[in-house]
Amino acid sequence: METEKRLAELGLDVPDFIREGYYGASYGTMKPFHIAGNLLFLSGHVPQRGSRIVYAGRLGAGLTVEDGRAAARLTGLNVIAGIKQAVGDLDRVRSIVRTLNFVVCTPDFLEVHKVSSGLSDLLVEVFGRERGTGGRATIGVMALASGSCFETWATVEIE
């Protein structure tokens, strides 16, 4: 339970999707994750607590890079909750393979990569550089469900 110990040391509040359920089901027909061999594919995660989007809006029009990074970091906590829901023990994570990140922004907002670092940095803090660093792509988009400013899909290698 080294990863759980690390979460406690960092003082991070990870939701319990096993007890509370994955919020994504409220968006339509889907499952929270799929495991194929040693790969875990997580459905989309956003900066949401319970039924509330914490960072709604658009980067470059009301939301700052700092707001976006905070949204991505909160999303990262939900990703960790999703991993735990799928595999039970966070120490089963061998590596973050990749994340695909979506940032709601104005057409002239060019710092989407800085927003995604909120997620990437959190995963490195929790899992360490070797396990927590994966490939990453970030795309600026016009809208996401419920007004969220950030969403990610994650692929995780597990034991």
N, C-alpha and C. Protein backbone atom coordinates (compact mmCIF):
# COMPACT_ATOMS: atom_id res chain seq x y z
N MET A 1 0.82 -1.19 0.00
CA MET A 1 0.00 0.00 0.00
C MET A 1 0.87 1.26 0.00
N GLU A 2 1.97 1.19 -0.72
CA GLU A 2 2.89 2.33 -0.80
C GLU A 2 2.22 3.56 -1.44
N THR A 3 1.41 3.35 -2.47
CA THR A 3 0.78 4.48 -3.13
C THR A 3 -0.24 5.14 -2.21
N GLU A 4 -0.97 4.35 -1.46
CA GLU A 4 -1.93 4.91 -0.48
C GLU A 4 -1.18 5.73 0.57
N LYS A 5 -0.03 5.24 0.99
CA LYS A 5 0.79 5.96 1.96
C LYS A 5 1.24 7.30 1.37
N ARG A 6 1.62 7.27 0.11
CA ARG A 6 2.05 8.50 -0.57
C ARG A 6 0.89 9.50 -0.65
N LEU A 7 -0.30 9.04 -0.97
CA LEU A 7 -1.48 9.92 -1.00
C LEU A 7 -1.70 10.59 0.35
N ALA A 8 -1.57 9.81 1.42
CA ALA A 8 -1.74 10.35 2.77
C ALA A 8 -0.66 11.38 3.08
N GLU A 9 0.58 11.09 2.71
CA GLU A 9 1.68 12.04 2.94
C GLU A 9 1.43 13.36 2.23
N LEU A 10 0.86 13.28 1.04
CA LEU A 10 0.58 14.48 0.25
C LEU A 10 -0.70 15.18 0.71
N GLY A 11 -1.48 14.52 1.57
CA GLY A 11 -2.73 15.09 2.06
C GLY A 11 -3.80 15.21 0.99
N LEU A 12 -3.79 14.27 0.05
CA LEU A 12 -4.72 14.33 -1.08
C LEU A 12 -6.03 13.62 -0.76
N ASP A 13 -7.11 14.22 -1.18
CA ASP A 13 -8.46 13.70 -0.95
C ASP A 13 -8.96 13.04 -2.24
N VAL A 14 -8.84 11.72 -2.29
CA VAL A 14 -9.27 10.96 -3.47
C VAL A 14 -10.68 10.43 -3.21
N PRO A 15 -11.61 10.70 -4.12
CA PRO A 15 -12.96 10.17 -3.93
C PRO A 15 -12.97 8.65 -3.90
N ASP A 16 -14.02 8.09 -3.35
CA ASP A 16 -14.18 6.63 -3.28
C ASP A 16 -15.28 6.21 -4.26
N PHE A 17 -14.88 5.92 -5.50
CA PHE A 17 -15.85 5.53 -6.51
C PHE A 17 -16.45 4.15 -6.23
N ILE A 18 -15.76 3.34 -5.44
CA ILE A 18 -16.32 2.03 -5.09
C ILE A 18 -17.57 2.24 -4.24
N ARG A 19 -17.50 3.15 -3.30
CA ARG A 19 -18.63 3.44 -2.42
C ARG A 19 -19.62 4.42 -3.05
N GLU A 20 -19.10 5.50 -3.66
CA GLU A 20 -19.93 6.58 -4.16
C GLU A 20 -20.39 6.38 -5.60
N GLY A 21 -19.67 5.56 -6.35
CA GLY A 21 -19.98 5.36 -7.77
C GLY A 21 -19.27 6.39 -8.64
N TYR A 22 -19.03 6.01 -9.86
CA TYR A 22 -18.40 6.87 -10.86
C TYR A 22 -19.44 7.83 -11.40
N TYR A 23 -19.17 9.12 -11.31
CA TYR A 23 -20.11 10.16 -11.73
C TYR A 23 -20.42 10.14 -13.22
N GLY A 24 -19.54 9.57 -14.03
CA GLY A 24 -19.72 9.57 -15.48
C GLY A 24 -20.97 8.88 -15.95
N ALA A 25 -21.50 7.96 -15.16
CA ALA A 25 -22.72 7.26 -15.55
C ALA A 25 -23.89 8.22 -15.75
N SER A 26 -23.84 9.38 -15.10
CA SER A 26 -24.92 10.36 -15.25
C SER A 26 -24.90 11.03 -16.62
N TYR A 27 -23.83 10.86 -17.39
CA TYR A 27 -23.71 11.48 -18.70
C TYR A 27 -24.25 10.61 -19.83
N GLY A 28 -24.60 9.36 -19.55
CA GLY A 28 -25.13 8.49 -20.58
C GLY A 28 -24.64 7.07 -20.43
N THR A 29 -24.95 6.24 -21.39
CA THR A 29 -24.60 4.83 -21.34
C THR A 29 -23.10 4.65 -21.54
N MET A 30 -22.45 4.12 -20.54
CA MET A 30 -21.01 3.84 -20.59
C MET A 30 -20.64 3.01 -19.39
N LYS A 31 -19.44 2.49 -19.43
CA LYS A 31 -18.89 1.87 -18.23
C LYS A 31 -17.68 2.69 -17.82
N PRO A 32 -17.34 2.69 -16.54
CA PRO A 32 -16.27 3.55 -16.07
C PRO A 32 -14.88 3.15 -16.55
N PHE A 33 -14.71 1.88 -16.89
CA PHE A 33 -13.39 1.42 -17.31
C PHE A 33 -13.54 0.12 -18.08
N HIS A 34 -12.45 -0.23 -18.77
CA HIS A 34 -12.37 -1.51 -19.47
C HIS A 34 -10.93 -2.00 -19.31
N ILE A 35 -10.78 -3.27 -18.98
CA ILE A 35 -9.46 -3.87 -18.86
C ILE A 35 -9.28 -4.87 -19.99
N ALA A 36 -8.19 -4.71 -20.73
CA ALA A 36 -7.82 -5.64 -21.81
C ALA A 36 -6.38 -6.06 -21.55
N GLY A 37 -6.21 -7.32 -21.14
CA GLY A 37 -4.86 -7.79 -20.78
C GLY A 37 -4.34 -7.00 -19.60
N ASN A 38 -3.20 -6.36 -19.77
CA ASN A 38 -2.63 -5.57 -18.68
C ASN A 38 -2.84 -4.07 -18.89
N LEU A 39 -3.80 -3.71 -19.74
CA LEU A 39 -4.11 -2.30 -19.96
C LEU A 39 -5.48 -1.95 -19.41
N LEU A 40 -5.52 -0.86 -18.67
CA LEU A 40 -6.74 -0.31 -18.12
C LEU A 40 -7.08 0.95 -18.90
N PHE A 41 -8.27 0.99 -19.47
CA PHE A 41 -8.75 2.15 -20.21
C PHE A 41 -9.84 2.80 -19.37
N LEU A 42 -9.61 4.04 -18.95
CA LEU A 42 -10.60 4.75 -18.15
C LEU A 42 -11.48 5.60 -19.05
N SER A 43 -12.77 5.63 -18.75
CA SER A 43 -13.67 6.57 -19.41
C SER A 43 -13.27 7.98 -19.00
N GLY A 44 -13.91 8.97 -19.58
CA GLY A 44 -13.56 10.35 -19.32
C GLY A 44 -13.71 10.76 -17.87
N HIS A 45 -12.76 11.57 -17.42
CA HIS A 45 -12.81 12.15 -16.08
C HIS A 45 -12.71 13.66 -16.20
N VAL A 46 -13.44 14.34 -15.33
CA VAL A 46 -13.53 15.80 -15.34
C VAL A 46 -13.32 16.32 -13.92
N PRO A 47 -13.21 17.65 -13.75
CA PRO A 47 -13.06 18.22 -12.40
C PRO A 47 -14.41 18.31 -11.69
N GLN A 48 -14.87 17.18 -11.23
CA GLN A 48 -16.20 17.09 -10.63
C GLN A 48 -16.09 16.49 -9.24
N ARG A 49 -16.90 17.00 -8.32
CA ARG A 49 -17.06 16.43 -6.98
C ARG A 49 -18.55 16.20 -6.79
N GLY A 50 -18.91 14.95 -6.54
CA GLY A 50 -20.34 14.63 -6.45
C GLY A 50 -20.99 14.94 -7.77
N SER A 51 -22.04 15.77 -7.74
CA SER A 51 -22.73 16.12 -8.98
C SER A 51 -22.32 17.50 -9.50
N ARG A 52 -21.31 18.12 -8.89
CA ARG A 52 -20.94 19.50 -9.22
C ARG A 52 -19.62 19.58 -9.99
N ILE A 53 -19.66 20.26 -11.14
CA ILE A 53 -18.43 20.60 -11.86
C ILE A 53 -17.77 21.74 -11.10
N VAL A 54 -16.53 21.56 -10.71
CA VAL A 54 -15.85 22.56 -9.89
C VAL A 54 -15.30 23.70 -10.75
N TYR A 55 -14.81 23.40 -11.91
CA TYR A 55 -14.28 24.43 -12.81
C TYR A 55 -15.06 24.41 -14.11
N ALA A 56 -16.08 25.23 -14.16
CA ALA A 56 -16.87 25.37 -15.38
C ALA A 56 -16.40 26.62 -16.11
N GLY A 57 -16.49 26.60 -17.41
CA GLY A 57 -16.14 27.78 -18.18
C GLY A 57 -15.13 27.51 -19.27
N ARG A 58 -14.47 28.58 -19.69
CA ARG A 58 -13.59 28.53 -20.85
C ARG A 58 -12.27 29.22 -20.52
N LEU A 59 -11.17 28.52 -20.82
CA LEU A 59 -9.84 29.13 -20.66
C LEU A 59 -9.70 30.24 -21.69
N GLY A 60 -9.18 31.37 -21.24
CA GLY A 60 -9.04 32.52 -22.12
C GLY A 60 -10.26 33.43 -22.09
N ALA A 61 -11.32 33.03 -21.40
CA ALA A 61 -12.55 33.84 -21.27
C ALA A 61 -13.13 33.61 -19.88
N GLY A 62 -12.44 34.09 -18.90
CA GLY A 62 -12.93 33.94 -17.52
C GLY A 62 -12.10 32.99 -16.67
N LEU A 63 -11.53 31.97 -17.26
CA LEU A 63 -10.67 31.05 -16.52
C LEU A 63 -9.21 31.28 -16.92
N THR A 64 -8.34 31.26 -15.93
CA THR A 64 -6.90 31.47 -16.15
C THR A 64 -6.19 30.13 -16.31
N VAL A 65 -4.93 30.19 -16.69
CA VAL A 65 -4.10 28.98 -16.75
C VAL A 65 -4.07 28.32 -15.37
N GLU A 66 -3.96 29.12 -14.32
CA GLU A 66 -3.93 28.57 -12.96
C GLU A 66 -5.24 27.84 -12.64
N ASP A 67 -6.38 28.41 -13.05
CA ASP A 67 -7.67 27.73 -12.86
C ASP A 67 -7.67 26.40 -13.62
N GLY A 68 -7.19 26.43 -14.84
CA GLY A 68 -7.14 25.22 -15.65
C GLY A 68 -6.26 24.15 -15.04
N ARG A 69 -5.10 24.55 -14.54
CA ARG A 69 -4.20 23.59 -13.87
C ARG A 69 -4.87 22.98 -12.65
N ALA A 70 -5.59 23.80 -11.89
CA ALA A 70 -6.31 23.29 -10.72
C ALA A 70 -7.41 22.32 -11.14
N ALA A 71 -8.09 22.63 -12.24
CA ALA A 71 -9.12 21.73 -12.76
C ALA A 71 -8.51 20.40 -13.19
N ALA A 72 -7.36 20.47 -13.86
CA ALA A 72 -6.68 19.26 -14.31
C ALA A 72 -6.18 18.44 -13.11
N ARG A 73 -5.71 19.11 -12.08
CA ARG A 73 -5.25 18.41 -10.87
C ARG A 73 -6.42 17.70 -10.19
N LEU A 74 -7.55 18.39 -10.06
CA LEU A 74 -8.74 17.76 -9.47
C LEU A 74 -9.18 16.57 -10.33
N THR A 75 -9.12 16.73 -11.63
CA THR A 75 -9.43 15.62 -12.53
C THR A 75 -8.50 14.44 -12.27
N GLY A 76 -7.23 14.73 -12.01
CA GLY A 76 -6.26 13.69 -11.70
C GLY A 76 -6.64 12.89 -10.46
N LEU A 77 -7.19 13.55 -9.46
CA LEU A 77 -7.66 12.83 -8.27
C LEU A 77 -8.79 11.88 -8.65
N ASN A 78 -9.64 12.31 -9.58
CA ASN A 78 -10.71 11.43 -10.05
C ASN A 78 -10.17 10.27 -10.88
N VAL A 79 -9.11 10.52 -11.64
CA VAL A 79 -8.45 9.44 -12.38
C VAL A 79 -7.92 8.40 -11.40
N ILE A 80 -7.28 8.85 -10.33
CA ILE A 80 -6.76 7.92 -9.33
C ILE A 80 -7.91 7.13 -8.71
N ALA A 81 -9.02 7.80 -8.44
CA ALA A 81 -10.21 7.10 -7.91
C ALA A 81 -10.71 6.06 -8.91
N GLY A 82 -10.67 6.40 -10.20
CA GLY A 82 -11.09 5.46 -11.23
C GLY A 82 -10.18 4.25 -11.32
N ILE A 83 -8.87 4.47 -11.17
CA ILE A 83 -7.92 3.36 -11.17
C ILE A 83 -8.22 2.44 -9.99
N LYS A 84 -8.41 3.05 -8.83
CA LYS A 84 -8.69 2.25 -7.62
C LYS A 84 -9.99 1.47 -7.77
N GLN A 85 -11.00 2.09 -8.35
CA GLN A 85 -12.27 1.40 -8.58
C GLN A 85 -12.05 0.18 -9.49
N ALA A 86 -11.21 0.34 -10.50
CA ALA A 86 -11.00 -0.72 -11.48
C ALA A 86 -10.16 -1.87 -10.95
N VAL A 87 -9.09 -1.57 -10.22
CA VAL A 87 -8.13 -2.62 -9.85
C VAL A 87 -7.97 -2.82 -8.35
N GLY A 88 -8.61 -1.98 -7.54
CA GLY A 88 -8.58 -2.15 -6.09
C GLY A 88 -7.34 -1.62 -5.41
N ASP A 89 -6.17 -1.99 -5.87
CA ASP A 89 -4.91 -1.64 -5.21
C ASP A 89 -4.09 -0.76 -6.15
N LEU A 90 -3.83 0.47 -5.74
CA LEU A 90 -3.07 1.41 -6.58
C LEU A 90 -1.64 0.96 -6.82
N ASP A 91 -1.13 0.07 -5.98
CA ASP A 91 0.22 -0.45 -6.21
C ASP A 91 0.28 -1.37 -7.42
N ARG A 92 -0.87 -1.72 -7.99
CA ARG A 92 -0.89 -2.52 -9.22
C ARG A 92 -0.56 -1.69 -10.46
N VAL A 93 -0.47 -0.38 -10.31
CA VAL A 93 -0.14 0.49 -11.44
C VAL A 93 1.34 0.32 -11.78
N ARG A 94 1.60 -0.15 -13.00
CA ARG A 94 2.99 -0.23 -13.48
C ARG A 94 3.40 1.10 -14.07
N SER A 95 2.47 1.70 -14.86
CA SER A 95 2.78 3.01 -15.45
C SER A 95 1.53 3.65 -16.02
N ILE A 96 1.58 4.95 -16.08
CA ILE A 96 0.60 5.70 -16.85
C ILE A 96 1.08 5.61 -18.29
N VAL A 97 0.28 5.02 -19.17
CA VAL A 97 0.69 4.86 -20.57
C VAL A 97 0.53 6.19 -21.30
N ARG A 98 -0.68 6.77 -21.18
CA ARG A 98 -0.94 8.04 -21.86
C ARG A 98 -2.21 8.66 -21.33
N THR A 99 -2.31 9.97 -21.53
CA THR A 99 -3.57 10.68 -21.30
C THR A 99 -3.88 11.49 -22.55
N LEU A 100 -5.15 11.58 -22.85
CA LEU A 100 -5.64 12.45 -23.91
C LEU A 100 -6.51 13.48 -23.24
N ASN A 101 -6.09 14.75 -23.32
CA ASN A 101 -6.70 15.83 -22.55
C ASN A 101 -7.42 16.82 -23.46
N PHE A 102 -8.55 17.28 -22.98
CA PHE A 102 -9.38 18.24 -23.70
C PHE A 102 -9.53 19.49 -22.83
N VAL A 103 -9.23 20.65 -23.39
CA VAL A 103 -9.34 21.91 -22.67
C VAL A 103 -10.32 22.80 -23.42
N VAL A 104 -11.38 23.23 -22.74
CA VAL A 104 -12.32 24.16 -23.35
C VAL A 104 -11.69 25.54 -23.30
N CYS A 105 -11.54 26.15 -24.48
CA CYS A 105 -10.82 27.42 -24.54
C CYS A 105 -11.28 28.26 -25.73
N THR A 106 -10.87 29.51 -25.69
CA THR A 106 -11.10 30.40 -26.81
C THR A 106 -10.14 30.02 -27.94
N PRO A 107 -10.47 30.37 -29.18
CA PRO A 107 -9.59 30.02 -30.30
C PRO A 107 -8.17 30.59 -30.18
N ASP A 108 -8.01 31.69 -29.47
CA ASP A 108 -6.68 32.30 -29.36
C ASP A 108 -5.92 31.87 -28.11
N PHE A 109 -6.47 30.94 -27.31
CA PHE A 109 -5.78 30.45 -26.12
C PHE A 109 -4.80 29.36 -26.56
N LEU A 110 -3.52 29.61 -26.38
CA LEU A 110 -2.48 28.71 -26.90
C LEU A 110 -1.71 27.96 -25.81
N GLU A 111 -2.19 27.99 -24.58
CA GLU A 111 -1.44 27.37 -23.49
C GLU A 111 -2.13 26.12 -22.94
N VAL A 112 -2.78 25.37 -23.82
CA VAL A 112 -3.48 24.16 -23.37
C VAL A 112 -2.52 23.17 -22.72
N HIS A 113 -1.29 23.13 -23.19
CA HIS A 113 -0.29 22.21 -22.62
C HIS A 113 0.00 22.55 -21.16
N LYS A 114 -0.03 23.81 -20.81
CA LYS A 114 0.21 24.21 -19.41
C LYS A 114 -0.93 23.75 -18.51
N VAL A 115 -2.13 23.75 -19.03
CA VAL A 115 -3.29 23.28 -18.27
C VAL A 115 -3.11 21.80 -17.95
N SER A 116 -2.78 21.00 -18.94
CA SER A 116 -2.63 19.55 -18.76
C SER A 116 -1.55 19.18 -17.76
N SER A 117 -0.59 20.06 -17.57
CA SER A 117 0.48 19.77 -16.61
C SER A 117 -0.06 19.63 -15.19
N GLY A 118 -1.21 20.22 -14.89
CA GLY A 118 -1.82 20.02 -13.57
C GLY A 118 -2.12 18.55 -13.32
N LEU A 119 -2.58 17.86 -14.34
CA LEU A 119 -2.84 16.41 -14.25
C LEU A 119 -1.53 15.63 -14.23
N SER A 120 -0.67 15.90 -15.20
CA SER A 120 0.59 15.15 -15.32
C SER A 120 1.45 15.28 -14.07
N ASP A 121 1.55 16.49 -13.55
CA ASP A 121 2.37 16.71 -12.36
C ASP A 121 1.82 15.93 -11.16
N LEU A 122 0.49 15.90 -11.01
CA LEU A 122 -0.12 15.15 -9.91
C LEU A 122 0.21 13.66 -10.03
N LEU A 123 0.09 13.10 -11.22
CA LEU A 123 0.36 11.67 -11.40
C LEU A 123 1.80 11.34 -11.06
N VAL A 124 2.73 12.23 -11.39
CA VAL A 124 4.14 12.02 -11.04
C VAL A 124 4.31 12.12 -9.52
N GLU A 125 3.65 13.09 -8.88
CA GLU A 125 3.74 13.23 -7.41
C GLU A 125 3.29 11.95 -6.72
N VAL A 126 2.20 11.36 -7.22
CA VAL A 126 1.61 10.21 -6.55
C VAL A 126 2.34 8.91 -6.89
N PHE A 127 2.61 8.67 -8.16
CA PHE A 127 3.18 7.39 -8.60
C PHE A 127 4.69 7.41 -8.80
N GLY A 128 5.31 8.57 -8.72
CA GLY A 128 6.74 8.69 -8.98
C GLY A 128 6.99 8.92 -10.46
N ARG A 129 8.18 9.41 -10.78
CA ARG A 129 8.48 9.78 -12.17
C ARG A 129 8.39 8.59 -13.13
N GLU A 130 8.92 7.44 -12.75
CA GLU A 130 8.94 6.30 -13.67
C GLU A 130 7.54 5.77 -13.95
N ARG A 131 6.74 5.58 -12.90
CA ARG A 131 5.39 5.03 -13.08
C ARG A 131 4.38 6.10 -13.48
N GLY A 132 4.59 7.34 -13.08
CA GLY A 132 3.58 8.38 -13.25
C GLY A 132 3.68 9.20 -14.51
N THR A 133 4.79 9.07 -15.24
CA THR A 133 4.97 9.86 -16.46
C THR A 133 4.56 9.01 -17.66
N GLY A 134 3.59 9.51 -18.41
CA GLY A 134 3.15 8.81 -19.62
C GLY A 134 3.17 9.75 -20.80
N GLY A 135 2.79 9.22 -21.94
CA GLY A 135 2.60 10.07 -23.10
C GLY A 135 1.40 10.96 -22.87
N ARG A 136 1.34 12.07 -23.61
CA ARG A 136 0.25 13.01 -23.38
C ARG A 136 -0.04 13.79 -24.64
N ALA A 137 -1.32 14.01 -24.89
CA ALA A 137 -1.74 14.94 -25.93
C ALA A 137 -2.83 15.82 -25.35
N THR A 138 -2.86 17.08 -25.77
CA THR A 138 -3.85 18.02 -25.29
C THR A 138 -4.46 18.73 -26.49
N ILE A 139 -5.78 18.81 -26.49
CA ILE A 139 -6.53 19.39 -27.59
C ILE A 139 -7.44 20.48 -27.04
N GLY A 140 -7.42 21.65 -27.66
CA GLY A 140 -8.36 22.71 -27.32
C GLY A 140 -9.69 22.44 -28.02
N VAL A 141 -10.78 22.54 -27.27
CA VAL A 141 -12.12 22.24 -27.81
C VAL A 141 -13.08 23.37 -27.45
N MET A 142 -14.25 23.35 -28.08
CA MET A 142 -15.24 24.40 -27.85
C MET A 142 -16.16 24.12 -26.67
N ALA A 143 -16.44 22.86 -26.36
CA ALA A 143 -17.37 22.57 -25.26
C ALA A 143 -17.20 21.15 -24.76
N LEU A 144 -17.50 20.96 -23.47
CA LEU A 144 -17.56 19.64 -22.85
C LEU A 144 -18.86 19.57 -22.04
N ALA A 145 -19.28 18.37 -21.73
CA ALA A 145 -20.53 18.16 -21.00
C ALA A 145 -20.56 18.95 -19.70
N SER A 146 -21.70 19.47 -19.37
CA SER A 146 -21.97 20.20 -18.12
C SER A 146 -21.10 21.43 -17.91
N GLY A 147 -20.47 21.91 -18.96
CA GLY A 147 -19.68 23.14 -18.86
C GLY A 147 -18.29 22.96 -18.31
N SER A 148 -17.85 21.71 -18.13
CA SER A 148 -16.51 21.46 -17.62
C SER A 148 -15.47 22.09 -18.53
N CYS A 149 -14.38 22.58 -17.95
CA CYS A 149 -13.31 23.17 -18.77
C CYS A 149 -12.22 22.17 -19.13
N PHE A 150 -12.26 20.95 -18.53
CA PHE A 150 -11.18 19.99 -18.74
C PHE A 150 -11.75 18.57 -18.67
N GLU A 151 -11.22 17.70 -19.50
CA GLU A 151 -11.54 16.27 -19.45
C GLU A 151 -10.32 15.49 -19.89
N THR A 152 -10.17 14.29 -19.33
CA THR A 152 -9.07 13.42 -19.77
C THR A 152 -9.56 12.00 -19.94
N TRP A 153 -8.92 11.30 -20.86
CA TRP A 153 -9.02 9.84 -20.99
C TRP A 153 -7.65 9.32 -20.60
N ALA A 154 -7.61 8.25 -19.86
CA ALA A 154 -6.32 7.71 -19.44
C ALA A 154 -6.22 6.23 -19.76
N THR A 155 -5.01 5.83 -20.13
CA THR A 155 -4.67 4.43 -20.32
C THR A 155 -3.54 4.11 -19.34
N VAL A 156 -3.72 3.02 -18.58
CA VAL A 156 -2.81 2.68 -17.51
C VAL A 156 -2.35 1.23 -17.67
N GLU A 157 -1.06 0.98 -17.55
CA GLU A 157 -0.55 -0.39 -17.53
C GLU A 157 -0.64 -0.89 -16.08
N ILE A 158 -1.22 -2.07 -15.92
CA ILE A 158 -1.42 -2.64 -14.57
C ILE A 158 -0.77 -4.01 -14.48
N GLU A 159 -0.55 -4.45 -13.25
CA GLU A 159 -0.04 -5.80 -12.99
C GLU A 159 -1.22 -6.74 -12.87
